[in-house]
Amino acid sequence: MSNANRSAYRRFLEALAHPAEDGFANGANALFAPDARINLVHPFNEIDGPSDYVERFLKPLNESFAGLYRRDYICMAGRYNDGEWISSTGYWCGRFVKDWLGIRGSNALAWLRVGEFHRFEAGKVVESHIFLDIPELMIACGQWPDIASPASEVGYTGMLPGPATQDGLLWEDGDVQESAKSFKMVVDMLLRLATADEAWRPYWHDNMMWYGPAAFGSFVGIESFRSFQVPFEGCFSHWKGGAAPDSETSHFTRFGDGLYVCSGGWPSLNAHQIKPFLSQPATDKVLYMRVCDWWRREGDLLVENWVFVDIPHVLLQMGYDLFARIAETE
């Protein structure tokens, strides 16, 4: 991985670390190629280059959150299918003073979880996939509609911490052998999800932490995680992730960097819904889920996993327009 790419992205994150009078436009224009293909969660979806990214996302966000700044707790880099990628996750934060996407401003400190994946060419980002946990913000502001979790046990919802070891900002290449070990462990584990004998279990520490998207919640301990994962899988007759070679969806990137691994798909998961999910009736059709993850390994076990799912996009496929719904409740 090019150290120059890591340095360029580090400068970008440093530019976001304090409020900027230009609304971070200079930082975005320095990072992205003029014709970069930027994918942002629903309701933004496809964005045409940095100017559009600034006008449609950064500028409105900056106007709605006074003192807006960014704090990331994982940043890692690697190669996938001959492409050079950088990924990070953390939070946007500021005082929520003006309505955003129909969510009513709370006039209090608010946090918006973010996860990003960027592919570099010639020192510039040419392709991006950017995840936001918008439901987490809605829930924190008391504006989440009556949509239940798919889990039998309701998970924790709230601000999520970074790595317990506080070593997630990787500005230099990790050990090649450790990176390969981490990568293989995660891929092997992913291929064992949705198995009748729960063959994913041996890959996880008994007291693992699963930091899920807000509509699902977060869980500590393998039995608590199972109380979510197994009912979740049970909502579908067909459940296939982007790591599986026979999946109709795939990951746009997946790589290891030292003790960390990340992956993302747009979409990553395809699942045929046969039971109610997120309080919506069975659709008897395949849902396509934009999903991304970061994992941390200790020794021979995975201990932490941060996950995003573009929940508003999933709900839209089931005929539920989340943003129209919150507009009706104003």
C-alpha atoms as a PDB file:
ATOM      1  CA  MET A   1       0.000   0.000   0.000  1.00  0.00           C
ATOM      2  CA  SER A   2       1.330   3.444  -0.891  1.00  0.00           C
ATOM      3  CA  ASN A   3       2.392   5.441   2.167  1.00  0.00           C
ATOM      4  CA  ALA A   4       1.528   8.543   0.140  1.00  0.00           C
ATOM      5  CA  ASN A   5      -2.116   7.442   0.090  1.00  0.00           C
ATOM      6  CA  ARG A   6      -2.126   6.945   3.849  1.00  0.00           C
ATOM      7  CA  SER A   7      -0.588  10.385   4.279  1.00  0.00           C
ATOM      8  CA  ALA A   8      -3.143  11.994   1.963  1.00  0.00           C
ATOM      9  CA  TYR A   9      -6.028  10.468   3.864  1.00  0.00           C
ATOM     10  CA  ARG A  10      -4.483  11.396   7.189  1.00  0.00           C
ATOM     11  CA  ARG A  11      -4.344  15.019   6.040  1.00  0.00           C
ATOM     12  CA  PHE A  12      -8.014  14.765   5.080  1.00  0.00           C
ATOM     13  CA  LEU A  13      -9.010  13.466   8.515  1.00  0.00           C
ATOM     14  CA  GLU A  14      -6.886  16.133  10.191  1.00  0.00           C
ATOM     15  CA  ALA A  15      -8.751  18.761   8.144  1.00  0.00           C
ATOM     16  CA  LEU A  16     -12.023  17.397   9.558  1.00  0.00           C
ATOM     17  CA  ALA A  17     -10.797  17.360  13.168  1.00  0.00           C
ATOM     18  CA  HIS A  18     -11.932  20.936  13.858  1.00  0.00           C
ATOM     19  CA  PRO A  19     -14.741  23.099  12.440  1.00  0.00           C
ATOM     20  CA  ALA A  20     -13.872  24.699   9.089  1.00  0.00           C
ATOM     21  CA  GLU A  21     -15.244  27.960   7.696  1.00  0.00           C
ATOM     22  CA  ASP A  22     -15.457  26.441   4.220  1.00  0.00           C
ATOM     23  CA  GLY A  23     -17.488  23.485   5.473  1.00  0.00           C
ATOM     24  CA  PHE A  24     -14.612  21.110   4.676  1.00  0.00           C
ATOM     25  CA  ALA A  25     -14.797  21.834   0.942  1.00  0.00           C
ATOM     26  CA  ASN A  26     -11.031  22.347   0.642  1.00  0.00           C
ATOM     27  CA  GLY A  27     -10.346  19.024   2.322  1.00  0.00           C
ATOM     28  CA  ALA A  28     -12.758  17.180   0.048  1.00  0.00           C
ATOM     29  CA  ASN A  29     -11.408  18.792  -3.112  1.00  0.00           C
ATOM     30  CA  ALA A  30      -7.850  17.896  -2.100  1.00  0.00           C
ATOM     31  CA  LEU A  31      -8.728  14.227  -1.550  1.00  0.00           C
ATOM     32  CA  PHE A  32     -11.114  13.351  -4.384  1.00  0.00           C
ATOM     33  CA  ALA A  33     -10.473  13.271  -8.099  1.00  0.00           C
ATOM     34  CA  PRO A  34     -12.864  15.627  -9.954  1.00  0.00           C
ATOM     35  CA  ASP A  35     -14.744  12.686 -11.470  1.00  0.00           C
ATOM     36  CA  ALA A  36     -14.724  10.460  -8.377  1.00  0.00           C
ATOM     37  CA  ARG A  37     -17.649   8.043  -8.062  1.00  0.00           C
ATOM     38  CA  ILE A  38     -18.990   8.552  -4.540  1.00  0.00           C
ATOM     39  CA  ASN A  39     -21.686   6.274  -3.103  1.00  0.00           C
ATOM     40  CA  LEU A  40     -23.439   7.478   0.051  1.00  0.00           C
ATOM     41  CA  VAL A  41     -26.232   5.746   1.968  1.00  0.00           C
ATOM     42  CA  HIS A  42     -29.905   6.380   1.218  1.00  0.00           C
ATOM     43  CA  PRO A  43     -31.335   8.991   0.673  1.00  0.00           C
ATOM     44  CA  PHE A  44     -28.161  10.333  -1.005  1.00  0.00           C
ATOM     45  CA  ASN A  45     -27.082   7.245  -2.997  1.00  0.00           C
ATOM     46  CA  GLU A  46     -24.989   8.200  -6.061  1.00  0.00           C
ATOM     47  CA  ILE A  47     -22.968  11.411  -5.842  1.00  0.00           C
ATOM     48  CA  ASP A  48     -21.141  12.923  -8.794  1.00  0.00           C
ATOM     49  CA  GLY A  49     -17.685  14.019  -7.641  1.00  0.00           C
ATOM     50  CA  PRO A  50     -16.441  16.199  -4.770  1.00  0.00           C
ATOM     51  CA  SER A  51     -18.443  19.309  -5.704  1.00  0.00           C
ATOM     52  CA  ASP A  52     -21.699  17.363  -5.517  1.00  0.00           C
ATOM     53  CA  TYR A  53     -20.499  15.712  -2.282  1.00  0.00           C
ATOM     54  CA  VAL A  54     -19.890  19.120  -0.739  1.00  0.00           C
ATOM     55  CA  GLU A  55     -23.206  20.610  -1.894  1.00  0.00           C
ATOM     56  CA  ARG A  56     -25.453  17.649  -1.116  1.00  0.00           C
ATOM     57  CA  PHE A  57     -23.821  16.314   2.048  1.00  0.00           C
ATOM     58  CA  LEU A  58     -21.023  18.295   3.683  1.00  0.00           C
ATOM     59  CA  LYS A  59     -22.551  21.750   3.373  1.00  0.00           C
ATOM     60  CA  PRO A  60     -26.022  20.808   4.736  1.00  0.00           C
ATOM     61  CA  LEU A  61     -24.428  18.739   7.514  1.00  0.00           C
ATOM     62  CA  ASN A  62     -22.201  21.658   8.467  1.00  0.00           C
ATOM     63  CA  GLU A  63     -25.207  24.002   8.545  1.00  0.00           C
ATOM     64  CA  SER A  64     -27.212  21.640  10.756  1.00  0.00           C
ATOM     65  CA  PHE A  65     -24.487  20.789  13.286  1.00  0.00           C
ATOM     66  CA  ALA A  66     -22.820  23.786  14.936  1.00  0.00           C
ATOM     67  CA  GLY A  67     -19.133  23.195  15.627  1.00  0.00           C
ATOM     68  CA  LEU A  68     -19.150  20.139  13.336  1.00  0.00           C
ATOM     69  CA  TYR A  69     -16.009  18.011  13.423  1.00  0.00           C
ATOM     70  CA  ARG A  70     -14.898  14.409  12.957  1.00  0.00           C
ATOM     71  CA  ARG A  71     -13.205  11.820  15.162  1.00  0.00           C
ATOM     72  CA  ASP A  72     -12.135   8.479  13.677  1.00  0.00           C
ATOM     73  CA  TYR A  73     -10.898   5.548  15.756  1.00  0.00           C
ATOM     74  CA  ILE A  74      -9.994   3.066  13.013  1.00  0.00           C
ATOM     75  CA  CYS A  75      -8.083   3.820   9.841  1.00  0.00           C
ATOM     76  CA  MET A  76      -6.474   1.067   7.786  1.00  0.00           C
ATOM     77  CA  ALA A  77      -5.246   0.412   4.272  1.00  0.00           C
ATOM     78  CA  GLY A  78      -4.697  -2.491   1.894  1.00  0.00           C
ATOM     79  CA  ARG A  79      -5.101  -3.883  -1.590  1.00  0.00           C
ATOM     80  CA  TYR A  80      -8.057  -5.673  -3.159  1.00  0.00           C
ATOM     81  CA  ASN A  81      -8.331  -6.823  -6.788  1.00  0.00           C
ATOM     82  CA  ASP A  82      -5.241  -4.713  -7.635  1.00  0.00           C
ATOM     83  CA  GLY A  83      -6.832  -1.588  -6.160  1.00  0.00           C
ATOM     84  CA  GLU A  84      -5.383   0.463  -3.313  1.00  0.00           C
ATOM     85  CA  TRP A  85      -7.956   1.137  -0.581  1.00  0.00           C
ATOM     86  CA  ILE A  86      -8.181   3.099   2.653  1.00  0.00           C
ATOM     87  CA  SER A  87     -10.972   2.675   5.176  1.00  0.00           C
ATOM     88  CA  SER A  88     -11.909   4.513   8.365  1.00  0.00           C
ATOM     89  CA  THR A  89     -14.725   4.694  10.873  1.00  0.00           C
ATOM     90  CA  GLY A  90     -15.704   6.996  13.711  1.00  0.00           C
ATOM     91  CA  TYR A  91     -18.149   9.851  14.291  1.00  0.00           C
ATOM     92  CA  TRP A  92     -19.209  13.237  13.052  1.00  0.00           C
ATOM     93  CA  CYS A  93     -20.307  15.359  15.992  1.00  0.00           C
ATOM     94  CA  GLY A  94     -21.636  18.815  16.768  1.00  0.00           C
ATOM     95  CA  ARG A  95     -24.618  20.617  18.272  1.00  0.00           C
ATOM     96  CA  PHE A  96     -27.711  19.653  16.293  1.00  0.00           C
ATOM     97  CA  VAL A  97     -29.189  23.120  15.714  1.00  0.00           C
ATOM     98  CA  LYS A  98     -31.058  22.746  12.404  1.00  0.00           C
ATOM     99  CA  ASP A  99     -33.228  19.987  10.933  1.00  0.00           C
ATOM    100  CA  TRP A 100     -31.379  17.538   8.678  1.00  0.00           C
ATOM    101  CA  LEU A 101     -33.036  14.998   6.339  1.00  0.00           C
ATOM    102  CA  GLY A 102     -36.312  15.698   8.140  1.00  0.00           C
ATOM    103  CA  ILE A 103     -34.808  14.833  11.538  1.00  0.00           C
ATOM    104  CA  ARG A 104     -35.653  17.673  13.905  1.00  0.00           C
ATOM    105  CA  GLY A 105     -32.719  19.449  15.452  1.00  0.00           C
ATOM    106  CA  SER A 106     -32.316  18.805  19.182  1.00  0.00           C
ATOM    107  CA  ASN A 107     -30.152  21.850  19.946  1.00  0.00           C
ATOM    108  CA  ALA A 108     -27.897  19.442  21.878  1.00  0.00           C
ATOM    109  CA  LEU A 109     -24.665  17.593  21.210  1.00  0.00           C
ATOM    110  CA  ALA A 110     -25.310  14.822  18.687  1.00  0.00           C
ATOM    111  CA  TRP A 111     -23.231  12.072  17.112  1.00  0.00           C
ATOM    112  CA  LEU A 112     -23.476  10.627  13.587  1.00  0.00           C
ATOM    113  CA  ARG A 113     -21.560   7.398  13.068  1.00  0.00           C
ATOM    114  CA  VAL A 114     -19.657   7.203   9.792  1.00  0.00           C
ATOM    115  CA  GLY A 115     -17.663   4.538   7.942  1.00  0.00           C
ATOM    116  CA  GLU A 116     -15.759   5.172   4.718  1.00  0.00           C
ATOM    117  CA  PHE A 117     -13.953   3.181   2.018  1.00  0.00           C
ATOM    118  CA  HIS A 118     -11.887   4.927  -0.660  1.00  0.00           C
ATOM    119  CA  ARG A 119     -10.001   3.581  -3.677  1.00  0.00           C
ATOM    120  CA  PHE A 120      -6.984   5.577  -4.793  1.00  0.00           C
ATOM    121  CA  GLU A 121      -5.434   6.084  -8.210  1.00  0.00           C
ATOM    122  CA  ALA A 122      -2.490   8.422  -8.813  1.00  0.00           C
ATOM    123  CA  GLY A 123      -2.803   9.892  -5.325  1.00  0.00           C
ATOM    124  CA  LYS A 124      -6.522  10.778  -5.559  1.00  0.00           C
ATOM    125  CA  VAL A 125      -9.699   9.008  -4.480  1.00  0.00           C
ATOM    126  CA  VAL A 126     -11.604   7.787  -7.534  1.00  0.00           C
ATOM    127  CA  GLU A 127     -14.226   5.555  -5.891  1.00  0.00           C
ATOM    128  CA  SER A 128     -15.869   5.816  -2.479  1.00  0.00           C
ATOM    129  CA  HIS A 129     -18.496   4.038  -0.422  1.00  0.00           C
ATOM    130  CA  ILE A 130     -19.618   6.024   2.622  1.00  0.00           C
ATOM    131  CA  PHE A 131     -21.900   4.631   5.321  1.00  0.00           C
ATOM    132  CA  LEU A 132     -23.832   6.627   7.929  1.00  0.00           C
ATOM    133  CA  ASP A 133     -25.893   5.234  10.807  1.00  0.00           C
ATOM    134  CA  ILE A 134     -28.761   7.679  10.369  1.00  0.00           C
ATOM    135  CA  PRO A 135     -31.137   5.540  12.497  1.00  0.00           C
ATOM    136  CA  GLU A 136     -28.730   5.909  15.438  1.00  0.00           C
ATOM    137  CA  LEU A 137     -29.150   9.690  15.228  1.00  0.00           C
ATOM    138  CA  MET A 138     -32.948   9.344  14.957  1.00  0.00           C
ATOM    139  CA  ILE A 139     -33.097   7.106  18.019  1.00  0.00           C
ATOM    140  CA  ALA A 140     -30.855   9.413  20.043  1.00  0.00           C
ATOM    141  CA  CYS A 141     -33.168  12.331  19.172  1.00  0.00           C
ATOM    142  CA  GLY A 142     -36.309  10.353  20.041  1.00  0.00           C
ATOM    143  CA  GLN A 143     -37.557  10.308  16.452  1.00  0.00           C
ATOM    144  CA  TRP A 144     -37.341   6.632  15.484  1.00  0.00           C
ATOM    145  CA  PRO A 145     -40.680   5.181  14.291  1.00  0.00           C
ATOM    146  CA  ASP A 146     -42.150   2.028  15.776  1.00  0.00           C
ATOM    147  CA  ILE A 147     -39.848  -0.421  14.021  1.00  0.00           C
ATOM    148  CA  ALA A 148     -38.712  -3.406  16.066  1.00  0.00           C
ATOM    149  CA  SER A 149     -35.319  -5.080  15.975  1.00  0.00           C
ATOM    150  CA  PRO A 150     -35.174  -8.505  14.297  1.00  0.00           C
ATOM    151  CA  ALA A 151     -33.447  -9.852  17.406  1.00  0.00           C
ATOM    152  CA  SER A 152     -35.178 -11.800  20.149  1.00  0.00           C
ATOM    153  CA  GLU A 153     -33.102  -9.746  22.574  1.00  0.00           C
ATOM    154  CA  VAL A 154     -33.027  -5.999  21.961  1.00  0.00           C
ATOM    155  CA  GLY A 155     -29.473  -4.774  21.658  1.00  0.00           C
ATOM    156  CA  TYR A 156     -27.924  -1.629  23.084  1.00  0.00           C
ATOM    157  CA  THR A 157     -28.319   1.515  20.995  1.00  0.00           C
ATOM    158  CA  GLY A 158     -26.127   4.556  21.559  1.00  0.00           C
ATOM    159  CA  MET A 159     -22.694   5.957  20.869  1.00  0.00           C
ATOM    160  CA  LEU A 160     -20.253   3.118  20.138  1.00  0.00           C
ATOM    161  CA  PRO A 161     -16.621   3.062  21.299  1.00  0.00           C
ATOM    162  CA  GLY A 162     -13.523   2.447  19.253  1.00  0.00           C
ATOM    163  CA  PRO A 163     -11.120  -0.458  19.801  1.00  0.00           C
ATOM    164  CA  ALA A 164     -10.544  -1.471  23.410  1.00  0.00           C
ATOM    165  CA  THR A 165      -6.811  -1.382  22.669  1.00  0.00           C
ATOM    166  CA  GLN A 166      -7.012   2.157  21.226  1.00  0.00           C
ATOM    167  CA  ASP A 167      -4.631   1.188  18.424  1.00  0.00           C
ATOM    168  CA  GLY A 168      -6.926   1.369  15.414  1.00  0.00           C
ATOM    169  CA  LEU A 169      -5.276   4.285  13.582  1.00  0.00           C
ATOM    170  CA  LEU A 170      -2.791   2.477  11.348  1.00  0.00           C
ATOM    171  CA  TRP A 171      -0.613   4.996   9.533  1.00  0.00           C
ATOM    172  CA  GLU A 172       1.966   2.410   8.451  1.00  0.00           C
ATOM    173  CA  ASP A 173       1.576  -1.035   6.873  1.00  0.00           C
ATOM    174  CA  GLY A 174       0.886  -3.793   9.375  1.00  0.00           C
ATOM    175  CA  ASP A 175       2.972  -6.953   9.592  1.00  0.00           C
ATOM    176  CA  VAL A 176       2.338  -8.944   6.416  1.00  0.00           C
ATOM    177  CA  GLN A 177       1.940 -12.296   8.168  1.00  0.00           C
ATOM    178  CA  GLU A 178      -0.358 -10.879  10.846  1.00  0.00           C
ATOM    179  CA  SER A 179      -2.440  -9.141   8.174  1.00  0.00           C
ATOM    180  CA  ALA A 180      -2.780 -12.389   6.221  1.00  0.00           C
ATOM    181  CA  LYS A 181      -3.763 -14.318   9.372  1.00  0.00           C
ATOM    182  CA  SER A 182      -6.413 -11.764  10.287  1.00  0.00           C
ATOM    183  CA  PHE A 183      -7.773 -11.721   6.741  1.00  0.00           C
ATOM    184  CA  LYS A 184      -8.034 -15.513   6.466  1.00  0.00           C
ATOM    185  CA  MET A 185      -9.726 -15.785   9.851  1.00  0.00           C
ATOM    186  CA  VAL A 186     -12.437 -13.300   8.909  1.00  0.00           C
ATOM    187  CA  VAL A 187     -13.094 -14.792   5.473  1.00  0.00           C
ATOM    188  CA  ASP A 188     -13.304 -18.301   6.920  1.00  0.00           C
ATOM    189  CA  MET A 189     -15.727 -17.046   9.586  1.00  0.00           C
ATOM    190  CA  LEU A 190     -17.920 -15.242   7.055  1.00  0.00           C
ATOM    191  CA  LEU A 191     -18.303 -18.421   5.020  1.00  0.00           C
ATOM    192  CA  ARG A 192     -19.710 -20.144   8.114  1.00  0.00           C
ATOM    193  CA  LEU A 193     -22.477 -17.653   8.861  1.00  0.00           C
ATOM    194  CA  ALA A 194     -26.042 -18.913   8.297  1.00  0.00           C
ATOM    195  CA  THR A 195     -25.030 -22.524   9.003  1.00  0.00           C
ATOM    196  CA  ALA A 196     -27.301 -24.892  10.912  1.00  0.00           C
ATOM    197  CA  ASP A 197     -24.543 -25.832  13.374  1.00  0.00           C
ATOM    198  CA  GLU A 198     -23.479 -22.188  13.943  1.00  0.00           C
ATOM    199  CA  ALA A 199     -20.031 -22.994  12.603  1.00  0.00           C
ATOM    200  CA  TRP A 200     -18.974 -19.368  13.036  1.00  0.00           C
ATOM    201  CA  ARG A 201     -18.702 -19.740  16.825  1.00  0.00           C
ATOM    202  CA  PRO A 202     -15.069 -21.031  17.117  1.00  0.00           C
ATOM    203  CA  TYR A 203     -13.747 -17.845  15.527  1.00  0.00           C
ATOM    204  CA  TRP A 204     -15.012 -15.582  18.319  1.00  0.00           C
ATOM    205  CA  HIS A 205     -13.968 -14.845  21.879  1.00  0.00           C
ATOM    206  CA  ASP A 206     -16.690 -15.795  24.377  1.00  0.00           C
ATOM    207  CA  ASN A 207     -16.909 -12.157  25.491  1.00  0.00           C
ATOM    208  CA  MET A 208     -16.782 -10.662  22.010  1.00  0.00           C
ATOM    209  CA  MET A 209     -18.321  -7.269  21.254  1.00  0.00           C
ATOM    210  CA  TRP A 210     -20.614  -6.830  18.255  1.00  0.00           C
ATOM    211  CA  TYR A 211     -21.266  -3.159  17.539  1.00  0.00           C
ATOM    212  CA  GLY A 212     -24.283  -3.310  15.245  1.00  0.00           C
ATOM    213  CA  PRO A 213     -26.313  -0.738  13.338  1.00  0.00           C
ATOM    214  CA  ALA A 214     -28.779   1.085  15.557  1.00  0.00           C
ATOM    215  CA  ALA A 215     -31.888  -0.673  14.227  1.00  0.00           C
ATOM    216  CA  PHE A 216     -30.328  -4.000  15.283  1.00  0.00           C
ATOM    217  CA  GLY A 217     -28.404  -2.900  18.389  1.00  0.00           C
ATOM    218  CA  SER A 218     -25.088  -4.012  19.888  1.00  0.00           C
ATOM    219  CA  PHE A 219     -24.330  -7.127  21.940  1.00  0.00           C
ATOM    220  CA  VAL A 220     -21.639  -8.334  24.337  1.00  0.00           C
ATOM    221  CA  GLY A 221     -20.851 -12.031  24.583  1.00  0.00           C
ATOM    222  CA  ILE A 222     -21.288 -14.795  22.067  1.00  0.00           C
ATOM    223  CA  GLU A 223     -24.623 -16.016  23.468  1.00  0.00           C
ATOM    224  CA  SER A 224     -26.073 -12.516  23.418  1.00  0.00           C
ATOM    225  CA  PHE A 225     -24.875 -12.065  19.836  1.00  0.00           C
ATOM    226  CA  ARG A 226     -26.442 -15.403  18.901  1.00  0.00           C
ATOM    227  CA  SER A 227     -29.788 -14.132  20.237  1.00  0.00           C
ATOM    228  CA  PHE A 228     -29.643 -11.565  17.434  1.00  0.00           C
ATOM    229  CA  GLN A 229     -27.851 -13.381  14.633  1.00  0.00           C
ATOM    230  CA  VAL A 230     -29.874 -16.613  14.518  1.00  0.00           C
ATOM    231  CA  PRO A 231     -33.330 -14.919  14.445  1.00  0.00           C
ATOM    232  CA  PHE A 232     -31.957 -12.453  11.899  1.00  0.00           C
ATOM    233  CA  GLU A 233     -30.855 -15.266   9.610  1.00  0.00           C
ATOM    234  CA  GLY A 234     -34.201 -16.981  10.226  1.00  0.00           C
ATOM    235  CA  CYS A 235     -36.100 -14.123   8.595  1.00  0.00           C
ATOM    236  CA  PHE A 236     -34.787 -15.382   5.253  1.00  0.00           C
ATOM    237  CA  SER A 237     -34.871 -18.650   3.325  1.00  0.00           C
ATOM    238  CA  HIS A 238     -31.786 -17.655   1.372  1.00  0.00           C
ATOM    239  CA  TRP A 239     -29.030 -15.659   3.099  1.00  0.00           C
ATOM    240  CA  LYS A 240     -25.765 -15.124   1.249  1.00  0.00           C
ATOM    241  CA  GLY A 241     -22.952 -12.680   1.944  1.00  0.00           C
ATOM    242  CA  GLY A 242     -20.412 -11.043  -0.319  1.00  0.00           C
ATOM    243  CA  ALA A 243     -17.552 -13.336   0.713  1.00  0.00           C
ATOM    244  CA  ALA A 244     -19.282 -16.456  -0.645  1.00  0.00           C
ATOM    245  CA  PRO A 245     -18.033 -17.385  -4.139  1.00  0.00           C
ATOM    246  CA  ASP A 246     -21.551 -18.322  -5.306  1.00  0.00           C
ATOM    247  CA  SER A 247     -23.200 -15.135  -4.020  1.00  0.00           C
ATOM    248  CA  GLU A 248     -24.952 -12.847  -6.490  1.00  0.00           C
ATOM    249  CA  THR A 249     -23.594  -9.904  -4.485  1.00  0.00           C
ATOM    250  CA  SER A 250     -19.952  -9.219  -3.666  1.00  0.00           C
ATOM    251  CA  HIS A 251     -17.585  -7.057  -1.674  1.00  0.00           C
ATOM    252  CA  PHE A 252     -16.156  -3.985  -3.362  1.00  0.00           C
ATOM    253  CA  THR A 253     -13.180  -4.390  -1.033  1.00  0.00           C
ATOM    254  CA  ARG A 254     -11.911  -6.702   1.693  1.00  0.00           C
ATOM    255  CA  PHE A 255      -8.444  -6.622   3.273  1.00  0.00           C
ATOM    256  CA  GLY A 256      -6.418  -7.076   6.444  1.00  0.00           C
ATOM    257  CA  ASP A 257      -3.996  -4.645   8.062  1.00  0.00           C
ATOM    258  CA  GLY A 258      -2.197  -6.090  11.073  1.00  0.00           C
ATOM    259  CA  LEU A 259      -4.800  -7.197  13.617  1.00  0.00           C
ATOM    260  CA  TYR A 260      -7.643  -5.482  11.759  1.00  0.00           C
ATOM    261  CA  VAL A 261      -9.809  -6.520   8.806  1.00  0.00           C
ATOM    262  CA  CYS A 262     -12.495  -4.612   6.920  1.00  0.00           C
ATOM    263  CA  SER A 263     -14.946  -5.343   4.135  1.00  0.00           C
ATOM    264  CA  GLY A 264     -17.829  -3.691   2.366  1.00  0.00           C
ATOM    265  CA  GLY A 265     -20.408  -4.448  -0.300  1.00  0.00           C
ATOM    266  CA  TRP A 266     -22.813  -2.192  -2.220  1.00  0.00           C
ATOM    267  CA  PRO A 267     -24.794  -4.419  -1.790  1.00  0.00           C
ATOM    268  CA  SER A 268     -23.003  -7.158   0.145  1.00  0.00           C
ATOM    269  CA  LEU A 269     -25.839  -9.348   1.406  1.00  0.00           C
ATOM    270  CA  ASN A 270     -28.700 -10.841  -0.584  1.00  0.00           C
ATOM    271  CA  ALA A 271     -31.468 -12.526   1.380  1.00  0.00           C
ATOM    272  CA  HIS A 272     -34.903 -13.879   0.423  1.00  0.00           C
ATOM    273  CA  GLN A 273     -37.324 -12.564   3.058  1.00  0.00           C
ATOM    274  CA  ILE A 274     -39.899 -15.104   4.276  1.00  0.00           C
ATOM    275  CA  LYS A 275     -40.714 -13.739   7.759  1.00  0.00           C
ATOM    276  CA  PRO A 276     -41.433 -10.279   9.196  1.00  0.00           C
ATOM    277  CA  PHE A 277     -38.283  -8.179   9.414  1.00  0.00           C
ATOM    278  CA  LEU A 278     -37.888  -4.744  11.014  1.00  0.00           C
ATOM    279  CA  SER A 279     -41.622  -4.852  11.756  1.00  0.00           C
ATOM    280  CA  GLN A 280     -42.408  -5.205   8.041  1.00  0.00           C
ATOM    281  CA  PRO A 281     -44.336  -8.208   6.710  1.00  0.00           C
ATOM    282  CA  ALA A 282     -42.652 -10.865   4.631  1.00  0.00           C
ATOM    283  CA  THR A 283     -42.162  -9.660   1.075  1.00  0.00           C
ATOM    284  CA  ASP A 284     -41.271 -13.028  -0.477  1.00  0.00           C
ATOM    285  CA  LYS A 285     -38.542 -11.273  -2.432  1.00  0.00           C
ATOM    286  CA  VAL A 286     -34.780 -10.868  -2.232  1.00  0.00           C
ATOM    287  CA  LEU A 287     -33.541  -7.896  -0.230  1.00  0.00           C
ATOM    288  CA  TYR A 288     -30.158  -6.410  -1.069  1.00  0.00           C
ATOM    289  CA  MET A 289     -28.256  -4.956   1.872  1.00  0.00           C
ATOM    290  CA  ARG A 290     -25.401  -2.483   1.757  1.00  0.00           C
ATOM    291  CA  VAL A 291     -23.170  -3.709   4.571  1.00  0.00           C
ATOM    292  CA  CYS A 292     -19.671  -3.008   5.879  1.00  0.00           C
ATOM    293  CA  ASP A 293     -17.591  -4.305   8.790  1.00  0.00           C
ATOM    294  CA  TRP A 294     -14.389  -3.788  10.712  1.00  0.00           C
ATOM    295  CA  TRP A 295     -12.999  -6.575  12.908  1.00  0.00           C
ATOM    296  CA  ARG A 296     -10.213  -6.694  15.506  1.00  0.00           C
ATOM    297  CA  ARG A 297      -8.343  -9.920  16.297  1.00  0.00           C
ATOM    298  CA  GLU A 298      -6.540 -10.920  19.480  1.00  0.00           C
ATOM    299  CA  GLY A 299      -4.409 -14.045  19.097  1.00  0.00           C
ATOM    300  CA  ASP A 300      -6.532 -16.704  17.452  1.00  0.00           C
ATOM    301  CA  LEU A 301      -9.935 -15.116  18.096  1.00  0.00           C
ATOM    302  CA  LEU A 302     -11.998 -12.180  16.903  1.00  0.00           C
ATOM    303  CA  VAL A 303     -12.926  -9.874  19.768  1.00  0.00           C
ATOM    304  CA  GLU A 304     -14.609  -6.777  18.288  1.00  0.00           C
ATOM    305  CA  ASN A 305     -16.736  -6.128  15.207  1.00  0.00           C
ATOM    306  CA  TRP A 306     -18.170  -2.794  14.032  1.00  0.00           C
ATOM    307  CA  VAL A 307     -21.026  -3.099  11.518  1.00  0.00           C
ATOM    308  CA  PHE A 308     -23.082  -0.769   9.323  1.00  0.00           C
ATOM    309  CA  VAL A 309     -26.188  -1.664   7.330  1.00  0.00           C
ATOM    310  CA  ASP A 310     -27.973   0.922   5.198  1.00  0.00           C
ATOM    311  CA  ILE A 311     -31.260   0.354   7.044  1.00  0.00           C
ATOM    312  CA  PRO A 312     -33.236   3.124   5.260  1.00  0.00           C
ATOM    313  CA  HIS A 313     -32.328   1.482   1.928  1.00  0.00           C
ATOM    314  CA  VAL A 314     -33.443  -1.957   3.184  1.00  0.00           C
ATOM    315  CA  LEU A 315     -36.734  -0.550   4.471  1.00  0.00           C
ATOM    316  CA  LEU A 316     -37.367   1.163   1.132  1.00  0.00           C
ATOM    317  CA  GLN A 317     -37.111  -2.213  -0.626  1.00  0.00           C
ATOM    318  CA  MET A 318     -39.883  -3.448   1.689  1.00  0.00           C
ATOM    319  CA  GLY A 319     -42.089  -0.494   0.790  1.00  0.00           C
ATOM    320  CA  TYR A 320     -41.377   1.598   3.905  1.00  0.00           C
ATOM    321  CA  ASP A 321     -40.015   5.096   3.219  1.00  0.00           C
ATOM    322  CA  LEU A 322     -38.355   6.047   6.505  1.00  0.00           C
ATOM    323  CA  PHE A 323     -37.867   9.693   5.595  1.00  0.00           C
ATOM    324  CA  ALA A 324     -41.448  10.117   4.411  1.00  0.00           C
ATOM    325  CA  ARG A 325     -42.580   8.519   7.662  1.00  0.00           C
ATOM    326  CA  ILE A 326     -40.671  10.899   9.926  1.00  0.00           C
ATOM    327  CA  ALA A 327     -41.950  13.839   7.833  1.00  0.00           C
ATOM    328  CA  GLU A 328     -45.521  12.692   8.586  1.00  0.00           C
ATOM    329  CA  THR A 329     -44.837  12.747  12.341  1.00  0.00           C
ATOM    330  CA  GLU A 330     -43.587  16.331  12.524  1.00  0.00           C
END
